[in-house]
Amino acid sequence: MPKVTSLPQIPARLTMPKFTINLISHLVAFQARRGKWVGSISRLVDAPIGRVWIMVSQTKKLPEWMPMVERCTDLAGEEGVPGYVRLVSGFMFPQDDGERSWIKERLVSMDSSVHSFVYKMEASNVGLDGSVNSLKLVDYGDDSTLVNWSFEIDPVEGASEESIIDYLGFLYKSCINRIGSAIEASSSNKI
């Protein structure tokens, strides 16, 4: 979510309660999103940041920690380089016809030095074209990592913002919860 770095100085005679200033900050941030629906989920993973990064940044490992993903296919470009395009398919979003969901994603940015990446959904059969997903890792000490997954989507006609945000939060939280076990399974397969 865009951050409001400062508010204009308010003359002393017009001072407002802190609640009002916070409300103004949120309204300014909301306007900056231009009508997008946004959400984020953060969870701790019991694994060092380097191991978490290896798991979440590689397309071929996606099905290991995203249980609803069956396949990831490289379509264009080089993985890890902005412009890279992949096709993710599986049962991420239920389809009326029972078919698998598919999402064509383009890598917008990836910065291994700060353990973060951003993907944009370019086309799909799930109605979330134009959505942006950002993932950022923070070293939380004691061999644990904070995973923050944020998303921004265009409003979905006929759907409730709260329902969509809740569903995506649930979906992404379930994925984050599997990262630790995916790392353990990956390590035990190498032995």
N, C-alpha and C. Protein backbone atom coordinates (compact mmCIF):
# COMPACT_ATOMS: atom_id res chain seq x y z
N MET A 1 0.85 -1.16 0.00
CA MET A 1 0.00 0.00 0.00
C MET A 1 0.90 1.22 0.00
N PRO A 2 0.60 2.24 -0.81
CA PRO A 2 1.41 3.44 -0.83
C PRO A 2 1.44 4.08 0.55
N LYS A 3 2.60 4.61 0.91
CA LYS A 3 2.73 5.25 2.21
C LYS A 3 2.61 6.75 2.06
N VAL A 4 1.94 7.37 2.99
CA VAL A 4 1.86 8.82 3.02
C VAL A 4 3.00 9.26 3.92
N THR A 5 3.99 9.95 3.34
CA THR A 5 5.17 10.28 4.12
C THR A 5 4.95 11.44 5.07
N SER A 6 4.12 12.39 4.69
CA SER A 6 3.86 13.50 5.61
C SER A 6 2.56 14.18 5.21
N LEU A 7 1.97 14.80 6.19
CA LEU A 7 0.77 15.60 5.94
C LEU A 7 1.17 17.06 5.99
N PRO A 8 0.43 17.92 5.31
CA PRO A 8 0.76 19.34 5.37
C PRO A 8 0.67 19.85 6.81
N GLN A 9 1.43 20.87 7.09
CA GLN A 9 1.38 21.47 8.43
C GLN A 9 0.01 22.07 8.67
N ILE A 10 -0.53 21.80 9.83
CA ILE A 10 -1.84 22.31 10.19
C ILE A 10 -1.63 23.46 11.18
N PRO A 11 -2.17 24.63 10.87
CA PRO A 11 -2.00 25.74 11.81
C PRO A 11 -2.53 25.35 13.19
N ALA A 12 -1.90 25.88 14.23
CA ALA A 12 -2.24 25.54 15.62
C ALA A 12 -3.72 25.72 15.91
N ARG A 13 -4.34 26.74 15.36
CA ARG A 13 -5.75 26.98 15.65
C ARG A 13 -6.66 25.95 15.00
N LEU A 14 -6.10 25.15 14.07
CA LEU A 14 -6.90 24.14 13.40
C LEU A 14 -6.45 22.72 13.72
N THR A 15 -5.81 22.54 14.85
CA THR A 15 -5.33 21.20 15.17
C THR A 15 -6.48 20.22 15.22
N MET A 16 -6.20 19.02 14.75
CA MET A 16 -7.21 17.98 14.71
C MET A 16 -6.78 16.82 15.59
N PRO A 17 -7.75 16.08 16.10
CA PRO A 17 -7.39 14.90 16.88
C PRO A 17 -6.61 13.91 16.03
N LYS A 18 -5.79 13.09 16.68
CA LYS A 18 -4.96 12.11 15.98
C LYS A 18 -5.82 11.20 15.10
N PHE A 19 -6.99 10.81 15.57
CA PHE A 19 -7.89 9.96 14.79
C PHE A 19 -8.19 10.59 13.44
N THR A 20 -8.49 11.88 13.41
CA THR A 20 -8.82 12.57 12.17
C THR A 20 -7.62 12.58 11.23
N ILE A 21 -6.43 12.81 11.77
CA ILE A 21 -5.23 12.82 10.94
C ILE A 21 -5.00 11.43 10.35
N ASN A 22 -5.18 10.37 11.17
CA ASN A 22 -5.03 9.01 10.65
C ASN A 22 -6.05 8.73 9.56
N LEU A 23 -7.28 9.19 9.74
CA LEU A 23 -8.32 8.99 8.75
C LEU A 23 -7.93 9.69 7.45
N ILE A 24 -7.43 10.90 7.54
CA ILE A 24 -6.98 11.63 6.35
C ILE A 24 -5.86 10.87 5.66
N SER A 25 -4.91 10.32 6.43
CA SER A 25 -3.81 9.55 5.85
C SER A 25 -4.35 8.37 5.07
N HIS A 26 -5.31 7.65 5.64
CA HIS A 26 -5.88 6.49 4.97
C HIS A 26 -6.64 6.91 3.72
N LEU A 27 -7.35 8.02 3.77
CA LEU A 27 -8.08 8.49 2.59
C LEU A 27 -7.12 8.87 1.48
N VAL A 28 -6.02 9.53 1.82
CA VAL A 28 -5.03 9.91 0.82
C VAL A 28 -4.43 8.65 0.20
N ALA A 29 -4.09 7.66 1.03
CA ALA A 29 -3.53 6.42 0.52
C ALA A 29 -4.55 5.72 -0.37
N PHE A 30 -5.82 5.73 0.02
CA PHE A 30 -6.87 5.09 -0.77
C PHE A 30 -6.96 5.75 -2.14
N GLN A 31 -6.92 7.07 -2.18
CA GLN A 31 -6.99 7.77 -3.46
C GLN A 31 -5.80 7.41 -4.33
N ALA A 32 -4.64 7.20 -3.72
CA ALA A 32 -3.44 6.86 -4.49
C ALA A 32 -3.59 5.49 -5.15
N ARG A 33 -4.42 4.62 -4.59
CA ARG A 33 -4.62 3.29 -5.17
C ARG A 33 -5.58 3.34 -6.34
N ARG A 34 -6.24 4.45 -6.54
CA ARG A 34 -7.16 4.66 -7.66
C ARG A 34 -8.22 3.57 -7.77
N GLY A 35 -8.90 3.34 -6.66
CA GLY A 35 -10.01 2.40 -6.70
C GLY A 35 -9.63 0.94 -6.66
N LYS A 36 -8.39 0.59 -6.46
CA LYS A 36 -7.97 -0.80 -6.38
C LYS A 36 -8.41 -1.40 -5.05
N TRP A 37 -8.64 -2.69 -5.05
CA TRP A 37 -8.87 -3.42 -3.81
C TRP A 37 -7.52 -3.96 -3.38
N VAL A 38 -7.14 -3.74 -2.13
CA VAL A 38 -5.82 -4.17 -1.67
C VAL A 38 -5.94 -4.97 -0.38
N GLY A 39 -4.97 -5.81 -0.18
CA GLY A 39 -4.89 -6.60 1.04
C GLY A 39 -3.48 -7.12 1.21
N SER A 40 -3.22 -7.64 2.39
CA SER A 40 -1.91 -8.26 2.63
C SER A 40 -2.05 -9.26 3.77
N ILE A 41 -1.13 -10.18 3.76
CA ILE A 41 -1.07 -11.19 4.81
C ILE A 41 0.41 -11.36 5.18
N SER A 42 0.68 -11.45 6.45
CA SER A 42 2.05 -11.66 6.93
C SER A 42 2.05 -12.81 7.91
N ARG A 43 3.04 -13.67 7.79
CA ARG A 43 3.18 -14.81 8.69
C ARG A 43 4.66 -15.10 8.87
N LEU A 44 4.98 -15.69 10.02
CA LEU A 44 6.35 -16.13 10.28
C LEU A 44 6.53 -17.55 9.77
N VAL A 45 7.69 -17.81 9.19
CA VAL A 45 8.08 -19.14 8.75
C VAL A 45 9.32 -19.52 9.54
N ASP A 46 9.31 -20.72 10.10
CA ASP A 46 10.46 -21.19 10.90
C ASP A 46 11.55 -21.73 9.98
N ALA A 47 12.22 -20.82 9.31
CA ALA A 47 13.34 -21.17 8.43
C ALA A 47 14.12 -19.89 8.16
N PRO A 48 15.43 -20.03 7.93
CA PRO A 48 16.24 -18.84 7.63
C PRO A 48 15.82 -18.20 6.31
N ILE A 49 16.01 -16.91 6.21
CA ILE A 49 15.57 -16.14 5.05
C ILE A 49 16.13 -16.66 3.74
N GLY A 50 17.39 -17.11 3.73
CA GLY A 50 17.99 -17.62 2.50
C GLY A 50 17.27 -18.84 1.97
N ARG A 51 16.89 -19.74 2.86
CA ARG A 51 16.17 -20.96 2.44
C ARG A 51 14.75 -20.63 2.00
N VAL A 52 14.11 -19.68 2.69
CA VAL A 52 12.77 -19.27 2.28
C VAL A 52 12.83 -18.63 0.90
N TRP A 53 13.83 -17.77 0.68
CA TRP A 53 13.96 -17.09 -0.61
C TRP A 53 14.13 -18.10 -1.75
N ILE A 54 14.97 -19.10 -1.55
CA ILE A 54 15.16 -20.12 -2.58
C ILE A 54 13.83 -20.79 -2.91
N MET A 55 13.03 -21.07 -1.91
CA MET A 55 11.75 -21.75 -2.12
C MET A 55 10.76 -20.85 -2.88
N VAL A 56 10.60 -19.60 -2.44
CA VAL A 56 9.54 -18.76 -3.01
C VAL A 56 9.92 -18.06 -4.31
N SER A 57 11.19 -17.94 -4.60
CA SER A 57 11.59 -17.17 -5.78
C SER A 57 11.74 -18.01 -7.05
N GLN A 58 11.68 -19.32 -6.94
CA GLN A 58 11.86 -20.19 -8.10
C GLN A 58 10.51 -20.74 -8.59
N THR A 59 10.20 -20.47 -9.83
CA THR A 59 8.94 -20.91 -10.42
C THR A 59 8.74 -22.42 -10.29
N LYS A 60 9.78 -23.20 -10.51
CA LYS A 60 9.63 -24.66 -10.48
C LYS A 60 9.24 -25.17 -9.09
N LYS A 61 9.47 -24.36 -8.04
CA LYS A 61 9.15 -24.77 -6.67
C LYS A 61 7.74 -24.34 -6.24
N LEU A 62 7.05 -23.58 -7.06
CA LEU A 62 5.72 -23.09 -6.70
C LEU A 62 4.76 -24.20 -6.25
N PRO A 63 4.66 -25.32 -6.98
CA PRO A 63 3.74 -26.36 -6.54
C PRO A 63 4.11 -26.99 -5.19
N GLU A 64 5.35 -26.82 -4.75
CA GLU A 64 5.77 -27.38 -3.47
C GLU A 64 5.15 -26.64 -2.28
N TRP A 65 4.90 -25.34 -2.44
CA TRP A 65 4.35 -24.58 -1.31
C TRP A 65 2.99 -23.94 -1.62
N MET A 66 2.53 -24.11 -2.82
CA MET A 66 1.18 -23.67 -3.18
C MET A 66 0.40 -24.92 -3.57
N PRO A 67 -0.30 -25.51 -2.62
CA PRO A 67 -0.93 -26.81 -2.87
C PRO A 67 -1.95 -26.82 -3.99
N MET A 68 -2.52 -25.68 -4.31
CA MET A 68 -3.53 -25.64 -5.36
C MET A 68 -2.92 -25.45 -6.75
N VAL A 69 -1.60 -25.30 -6.82
CA VAL A 69 -0.91 -25.15 -8.10
C VAL A 69 -0.39 -26.52 -8.54
N GLU A 70 -0.75 -26.90 -9.75
CA GLU A 70 -0.29 -28.18 -10.29
C GLU A 70 0.92 -28.02 -11.20
N ARG A 71 0.95 -26.93 -11.94
CA ARG A 71 2.00 -26.79 -12.93
C ARG A 71 2.37 -25.33 -13.14
N CYS A 72 3.66 -25.11 -13.39
CA CYS A 72 4.17 -23.80 -13.78
C CYS A 72 5.00 -23.99 -15.04
N THR A 73 4.72 -23.19 -16.03
CA THR A 73 5.40 -23.31 -17.31
C THR A 73 6.04 -21.98 -17.66
N ASP A 74 7.32 -22.03 -18.05
CA ASP A 74 8.00 -20.83 -18.54
C ASP A 74 7.44 -20.51 -19.92
N LEU A 75 7.06 -19.25 -20.13
CA LEU A 75 6.55 -18.85 -21.44
C LEU A 75 7.51 -17.94 -22.20
N ALA A 76 8.15 -17.01 -21.49
CA ALA A 76 9.05 -16.08 -22.17
C ALA A 76 10.02 -15.49 -21.17
N GLY A 77 11.19 -15.14 -21.66
CA GLY A 77 12.18 -14.48 -20.84
C GLY A 77 12.94 -15.43 -19.93
N GLU A 78 13.73 -14.82 -19.07
CA GLU A 78 14.58 -15.58 -18.14
C GLU A 78 14.05 -15.40 -16.72
N GLU A 79 13.86 -16.51 -16.03
CA GLU A 79 13.36 -16.45 -14.66
C GLU A 79 14.24 -15.54 -13.81
N GLY A 80 13.59 -14.70 -13.00
CA GLY A 80 14.31 -13.78 -12.12
C GLY A 80 14.62 -12.43 -12.75
N VAL A 81 14.36 -12.31 -14.05
CA VAL A 81 14.63 -11.06 -14.77
C VAL A 81 13.29 -10.42 -15.14
N PRO A 82 13.11 -9.13 -14.79
CA PRO A 82 11.83 -8.48 -15.14
C PRO A 82 11.47 -8.71 -16.61
N GLY A 83 10.19 -9.00 -16.83
CA GLY A 83 9.71 -9.33 -18.16
C GLY A 83 9.48 -10.82 -18.33
N TYR A 84 10.05 -11.63 -17.44
CA TYR A 84 9.85 -13.07 -17.47
C TYR A 84 8.35 -13.37 -17.36
N VAL A 85 7.84 -14.30 -18.16
CA VAL A 85 6.42 -14.65 -18.15
C VAL A 85 6.29 -16.14 -17.87
N ARG A 86 5.35 -16.47 -16.97
CA ARG A 86 5.08 -17.87 -16.64
C ARG A 86 3.57 -18.11 -16.66
N LEU A 87 3.20 -19.37 -16.85
CA LEU A 87 1.81 -19.78 -16.81
C LEU A 87 1.65 -20.71 -15.61
N VAL A 88 0.77 -20.32 -14.69
CA VAL A 88 0.51 -21.08 -13.48
C VAL A 88 -0.88 -21.69 -13.64
N SER A 89 -0.99 -23.01 -13.41
CA SER A 89 -2.31 -23.65 -13.54
C SER A 89 -2.56 -24.60 -12.38
N GLY A 90 -3.82 -24.80 -12.10
CA GLY A 90 -4.23 -25.67 -11.01
C GLY A 90 -5.63 -25.32 -10.57
N PHE A 91 -5.87 -25.45 -9.29
CA PHE A 91 -7.21 -25.19 -8.75
C PHE A 91 -7.18 -24.02 -7.77
N MET A 92 -6.52 -22.91 -8.16
CA MET A 92 -6.39 -21.74 -7.31
C MET A 92 -7.74 -21.09 -7.04
N PHE A 93 -8.56 -21.01 -8.07
CA PHE A 93 -9.86 -20.37 -7.98
C PHE A 93 -10.88 -21.29 -8.62
N PRO A 94 -11.92 -21.67 -7.90
CA PRO A 94 -12.91 -22.60 -8.45
C PRO A 94 -13.55 -22.03 -9.72
N GLN A 95 -13.71 -22.89 -10.72
CA GLN A 95 -14.32 -22.52 -11.99
C GLN A 95 -15.70 -23.17 -12.08
N ASP A 96 -16.66 -22.45 -12.66
CA ASP A 96 -18.02 -22.99 -12.80
C ASP A 96 -18.04 -24.29 -13.59
N ASP A 97 -17.15 -24.40 -14.58
CA ASP A 97 -17.15 -25.59 -15.43
C ASP A 97 -16.27 -26.71 -14.89
N GLY A 98 -15.66 -26.50 -13.71
CA GLY A 98 -14.81 -27.52 -13.11
C GLY A 98 -13.41 -27.58 -13.69
N GLU A 99 -13.12 -26.71 -14.65
CA GLU A 99 -11.80 -26.69 -15.28
C GLU A 99 -10.76 -26.09 -14.34
N ARG A 100 -9.53 -26.32 -14.67
CA ARG A 100 -8.42 -25.77 -13.89
C ARG A 100 -8.32 -24.26 -14.12
N SER A 101 -7.87 -23.58 -13.09
CA SER A 101 -7.58 -22.15 -13.20
C SER A 101 -6.24 -22.01 -13.92
N TRP A 102 -6.08 -20.92 -14.64
CA TRP A 102 -4.78 -20.61 -15.21
C TRP A 102 -4.56 -19.10 -15.14
N ILE A 103 -3.31 -18.75 -14.90
CA ILE A 103 -2.93 -17.34 -14.78
C ILE A 103 -1.59 -17.15 -15.50
N LYS A 104 -1.57 -16.21 -16.41
CA LYS A 104 -0.32 -15.82 -17.07
C LYS A 104 0.22 -14.62 -16.30
N GLU A 105 1.41 -14.79 -15.72
CA GLU A 105 2.01 -13.74 -14.89
C GLU A 105 3.31 -13.23 -15.49
N ARG A 106 3.50 -11.92 -15.37
CA ARG A 106 4.75 -11.29 -15.82
C ARG A 106 5.48 -10.75 -14.58
N LEU A 107 6.78 -11.06 -14.51
CA LEU A 107 7.60 -10.55 -13.42
C LEU A 107 7.86 -9.06 -13.65
N VAL A 108 7.42 -8.25 -12.70
CA VAL A 108 7.61 -6.80 -12.78
C VAL A 108 8.97 -6.42 -12.21
N SER A 109 9.30 -7.00 -11.04
CA SER A 109 10.59 -6.71 -10.42
C SER A 109 10.98 -7.85 -9.50
N MET A 110 12.28 -8.04 -9.34
CA MET A 110 12.80 -8.99 -8.38
C MET A 110 14.11 -8.44 -7.87
N ASP A 111 14.26 -8.41 -6.55
CA ASP A 111 15.48 -7.91 -5.94
C ASP A 111 15.92 -8.91 -4.87
N SER A 112 16.86 -9.75 -5.24
CA SER A 112 17.35 -10.78 -4.32
C SER A 112 18.03 -10.18 -3.10
N SER A 113 18.60 -8.98 -3.25
CA SER A 113 19.31 -8.38 -2.12
C SER A 113 18.38 -7.99 -0.98
N VAL A 114 17.10 -7.72 -1.29
CA VAL A 114 16.13 -7.40 -0.25
C VAL A 114 15.00 -8.44 -0.21
N HIS A 115 15.21 -9.55 -0.92
CA HIS A 115 14.29 -10.68 -0.90
C HIS A 115 12.84 -10.27 -1.22
N SER A 116 12.65 -9.70 -2.39
CA SER A 116 11.30 -9.28 -2.77
C SER A 116 11.09 -9.44 -4.27
N PHE A 117 9.83 -9.65 -4.64
CA PHE A 117 9.47 -9.68 -6.04
C PHE A 117 8.03 -9.22 -6.21
N VAL A 118 7.71 -8.83 -7.46
CA VAL A 118 6.37 -8.38 -7.82
C VAL A 118 5.99 -9.04 -9.14
N TYR A 119 4.81 -9.68 -9.18
CA TYR A 119 4.27 -10.25 -10.40
C TYR A 119 2.94 -9.58 -10.72
N LYS A 120 2.67 -9.43 -12.02
CA LYS A 120 1.39 -8.89 -12.48
C LYS A 120 0.67 -9.98 -13.27
N MET A 121 -0.60 -10.18 -12.94
CA MET A 121 -1.42 -11.15 -13.68
C MET A 121 -1.86 -10.49 -14.99
N GLU A 122 -1.36 -10.99 -16.09
CA GLU A 122 -1.67 -10.38 -17.38
C GLU A 122 -2.91 -10.93 -18.04
N ALA A 123 -3.17 -12.20 -17.87
CA ALA A 123 -4.34 -12.85 -18.45
C ALA A 123 -4.68 -14.06 -17.58
N SER A 124 -5.96 -14.43 -17.57
CA SER A 124 -6.37 -15.56 -16.74
C SER A 124 -7.79 -15.97 -17.09
N ASN A 125 -8.22 -17.06 -16.51
CA ASN A 125 -9.62 -17.43 -16.61
C ASN A 125 -10.30 -17.27 -15.24
N VAL A 126 -9.69 -16.44 -14.38
CA VAL A 126 -10.21 -16.25 -13.02
C VAL A 126 -10.73 -14.84 -12.76
N GLY A 127 -10.61 -13.95 -13.74
CA GLY A 127 -11.16 -12.61 -13.59
C GLY A 127 -10.30 -11.64 -12.81
N LEU A 128 -9.03 -11.95 -12.65
CA LEU A 128 -8.16 -11.05 -11.88
C LEU A 128 -7.06 -10.43 -12.74
N ASP A 129 -7.31 -10.30 -14.03
CA ASP A 129 -6.33 -9.70 -14.93
C ASP A 129 -5.97 -8.31 -14.42
N GLY A 130 -4.69 -7.98 -14.48
CA GLY A 130 -4.21 -6.68 -14.01
C GLY A 130 -3.85 -6.66 -12.53
N SER A 131 -4.14 -7.73 -11.82
CA SER A 131 -3.80 -7.80 -10.40
C SER A 131 -2.29 -7.84 -10.21
N VAL A 132 -1.84 -7.30 -9.10
CA VAL A 132 -0.41 -7.27 -8.78
C VAL A 132 -0.20 -7.94 -7.43
N ASN A 133 0.74 -8.88 -7.39
CA ASN A 133 1.10 -9.58 -6.16
C ASN A 133 2.55 -9.26 -5.83
N SER A 134 2.79 -8.88 -4.59
CA SER A 134 4.13 -8.57 -4.12
C SER A 134 4.46 -9.46 -2.95
N LEU A 135 5.67 -9.99 -2.93
CA LEU A 135 6.11 -10.81 -1.82
C LEU A 135 7.43 -10.25 -1.32
N LYS A 136 7.52 -10.07 -0.01
CA LYS A 136 8.74 -9.53 0.60
C LYS A 136 9.05 -10.35 1.83
N LEU A 137 10.33 -10.70 2.00
CA LEU A 137 10.79 -11.45 3.16
C LEU A 137 11.59 -10.54 4.06
N VAL A 138 11.45 -10.76 5.37
CA VAL A 138 12.22 -10.00 6.36
C VAL A 138 12.84 -11.01 7.32
N ASP A 139 14.16 -10.89 7.53
CA ASP A 139 14.85 -11.75 8.50
C ASP A 139 14.34 -11.39 9.88
N TYR A 140 13.73 -12.33 10.54
CA TYR A 140 13.11 -12.09 11.84
C TYR A 140 13.98 -12.62 12.98
N GLY A 141 15.18 -13.10 12.67
CA GLY A 141 16.10 -13.62 13.68
C GLY A 141 15.73 -15.03 14.11
N ASP A 142 16.62 -15.67 14.84
CA ASP A 142 16.40 -17.03 15.34
C ASP A 142 15.95 -17.98 14.23
N ASP A 143 16.56 -17.86 13.05
CA ASP A 143 16.23 -18.71 11.91
C ASP A 143 14.75 -18.69 11.56
N SER A 144 14.15 -17.52 11.64
CA SER A 144 12.76 -17.37 11.21
C SER A 144 12.67 -16.18 10.26
N THR A 145 11.65 -16.24 9.42
CA THR A 145 11.48 -15.24 8.36
C THR A 145 10.04 -14.77 8.34
N LEU A 146 9.86 -13.48 8.29
CA LEU A 146 8.53 -12.90 8.12
C LEU A 146 8.25 -12.82 6.62
N VAL A 147 7.16 -13.44 6.20
CA VAL A 147 6.74 -13.39 4.79
C VAL A 147 5.56 -12.44 4.70
N ASN A 148 5.70 -11.41 3.89
CA ASN A 148 4.60 -10.47 3.68
C ASN A 148 4.18 -10.56 2.22
N TRP A 149 2.93 -10.93 2.02
CA TRP A 149 2.37 -11.07 0.68
C TRP A 149 1.26 -10.04 0.55
N SER A 150 1.43 -9.09 -0.34
CA SER A 150 0.40 -8.08 -0.55
C SER A 150 -0.12 -8.18 -1.98
N PHE A 151 -1.35 -7.73 -2.15
CA PHE A 151 -1.97 -7.82 -3.46
C PHE A 151 -2.85 -6.61 -3.70
N GLU A 152 -3.00 -6.30 -4.97
CA GLU A 152 -3.81 -5.17 -5.41
C GLU A 152 -4.56 -5.63 -6.65
N ILE A 153 -5.89 -5.54 -6.60
CA ILE A 153 -6.69 -6.01 -7.73
C ILE A 153 -7.70 -4.94 -8.15
N ASP A 154 -8.09 -5.02 -9.40
CA ASP A 154 -9.18 -4.17 -9.87
C ASP A 154 -10.48 -4.70 -9.28
N PRO A 155 -11.42 -3.83 -8.98
CA PRO A 155 -12.71 -4.31 -8.48
C PRO A 155 -13.31 -5.35 -9.42
N VAL A 156 -13.92 -6.37 -8.84
CA VAL A 156 -14.53 -7.45 -9.61
C VAL A 156 -16.04 -7.23 -9.64
N GLU A 157 -16.56 -7.04 -10.85
CA GLU A 157 -17.99 -6.78 -11.00
C GLU A 157 -18.81 -7.93 -10.42
N GLY A 158 -19.82 -7.56 -9.63
CA GLY A 158 -20.71 -8.56 -9.05
C GLY A 158 -20.16 -9.25 -7.81
N ALA A 159 -18.98 -8.84 -7.35
CA ALA A 159 -18.37 -9.46 -6.18
C ALA A 159 -18.21 -8.42 -5.07
N SER A 160 -18.16 -8.91 -3.88
CA SER A 160 -17.94 -8.05 -2.72
C SER A 160 -16.44 -7.89 -2.48
N GLU A 161 -16.01 -6.65 -2.29
CA GLU A 161 -14.60 -6.39 -2.01
C GLU A 161 -14.15 -7.20 -0.80
N GLU A 162 -14.93 -7.17 0.26
CA GLU A 162 -14.57 -7.88 1.48
C GLU A 162 -14.43 -9.38 1.23
N SER A 163 -15.34 -9.96 0.48
CA SER A 163 -15.27 -11.41 0.19
C SER A 163 -14.03 -11.76 -0.61
N ILE A 164 -13.73 -10.97 -1.62
CA ILE A 164 -12.55 -11.25 -2.45
C ILE A 164 -11.27 -11.09 -1.64
N ILE A 165 -11.17 -10.01 -0.87
CA ILE A 165 -9.98 -9.78 -0.05
C ILE A 165 -9.83 -10.89 0.97
N ASP A 166 -10.92 -11.30 1.60
CA ASP A 166 -10.86 -12.40 2.58
C ASP A 166 -10.42 -13.70 1.92
N TYR A 167 -10.97 -14.00 0.73
CA TYR A 167 -10.61 -15.24 0.04
C TYR A 167 -9.14 -15.25 -0.33
N LEU A 168 -8.67 -14.15 -0.92
CA LEU A 168 -7.25 -14.09 -1.30
C LEU A 168 -6.36 -14.17 -0.07
N GLY A 169 -6.74 -13.49 1.01
CA GLY A 169 -5.97 -13.57 2.25
C GLY A 169 -5.90 -15.00 2.76
N PHE A 170 -7.03 -15.70 2.74
CA PHE A 170 -7.05 -17.11 3.16
C PHE A 170 -6.16 -17.97 2.26
N LEU A 171 -6.29 -17.77 0.95
CA LEU A 171 -5.51 -18.54 -0.01
C LEU A 171 -4.01 -18.32 0.20
N TYR A 172 -3.60 -17.06 0.29
CA TYR A 172 -2.18 -16.76 0.42
C TYR A 172 -1.64 -17.16 1.79
N LYS A 173 -2.47 -17.06 2.83
CA LYS A 173 -2.04 -17.51 4.16
C LYS A 173 -1.79 -19.01 4.16
N SER A 174 -2.65 -19.77 3.50
CA SER A 174 -2.45 -21.21 3.44
C SER A 174 -1.16 -21.55 2.69
N CYS A 175 -0.82 -20.76 1.69
CA CYS A 175 0.44 -20.98 0.97
C CYS A 175 1.64 -20.68 1.87
N ILE A 176 1.61 -19.54 2.53
CA ILE A 176 2.71 -19.17 3.41
C ILE A 176 2.90 -20.23 4.50
N ASN A 177 1.79 -20.76 5.02
CA ASN A 177 1.86 -21.77 6.07
C ASN A 177 2.56 -23.05 5.59
N ARG A 178 2.62 -23.28 4.31
CA ARG A 178 3.25 -24.50 3.77
C ARG A 178 4.72 -24.32 3.42
N ILE A 179 5.23 -23.12 3.47
CA ILE A 179 6.62 -22.89 3.05
C ILE A 179 7.60 -23.68 3.91
N GLY A 180 7.44 -23.65 5.22
CA GLY A 180 8.36 -24.36 6.12
C GLY A 180 8.40 -25.85 5.83
N SER A 181 7.24 -26.47 5.69
CA SER A 181 7.21 -27.92 5.41
C SER A 181 7.76 -28.23 4.02
N ALA A 182 7.56 -27.33 3.06
CA ALA A 182 8.12 -27.52 1.72
C ALA A 182 9.64 -27.47 1.77
N ILE A 183 10.18 -26.58 2.59
CA ILE A 183 11.64 -26.50 2.74
C ILE A 183 12.17 -27.79 3.36
N GLU A 184 11.50 -28.28 4.41
CA GLU A 184 11.91 -29.53 5.06
C GLU A 184 11.85 -30.70 4.08
N ALA A 185 10.78 -30.79 3.32
CA ALA A 185 10.63 -31.88 2.35
C ALA A 185 11.71 -31.81 1.27
N SER A 186 12.00 -30.60 0.82
CA SER A 186 13.02 -30.40 -0.19
C SER A 186 14.40 -30.82 0.34
N SER A 187 14.67 -30.51 1.60
CA SER A 187 15.95 -30.87 2.22
C SER A 187 16.07 -32.39 2.39
N SER A 188 14.99 -33.04 2.81
CA SER A 188 15.03 -34.47 3.04
C SER A 188 15.13 -35.24 1.71
N ASN A 189 14.63 -34.66 0.61
CA ASN A 189 14.75 -35.30 -0.69
C ASN A 189 16.18 -35.29 -1.20
N LYS A 190 17.00 -34.37 -0.71
CA LYS A 190 18.39 -34.27 -1.15
C LYS A 190 19.28 -35.25 -0.43
N ILE A 191 18.80 -35.78 0.67
CA ILE A 191 19.63 -36.69 1.48
C ILE A 191 19.67 -38.07 0.88
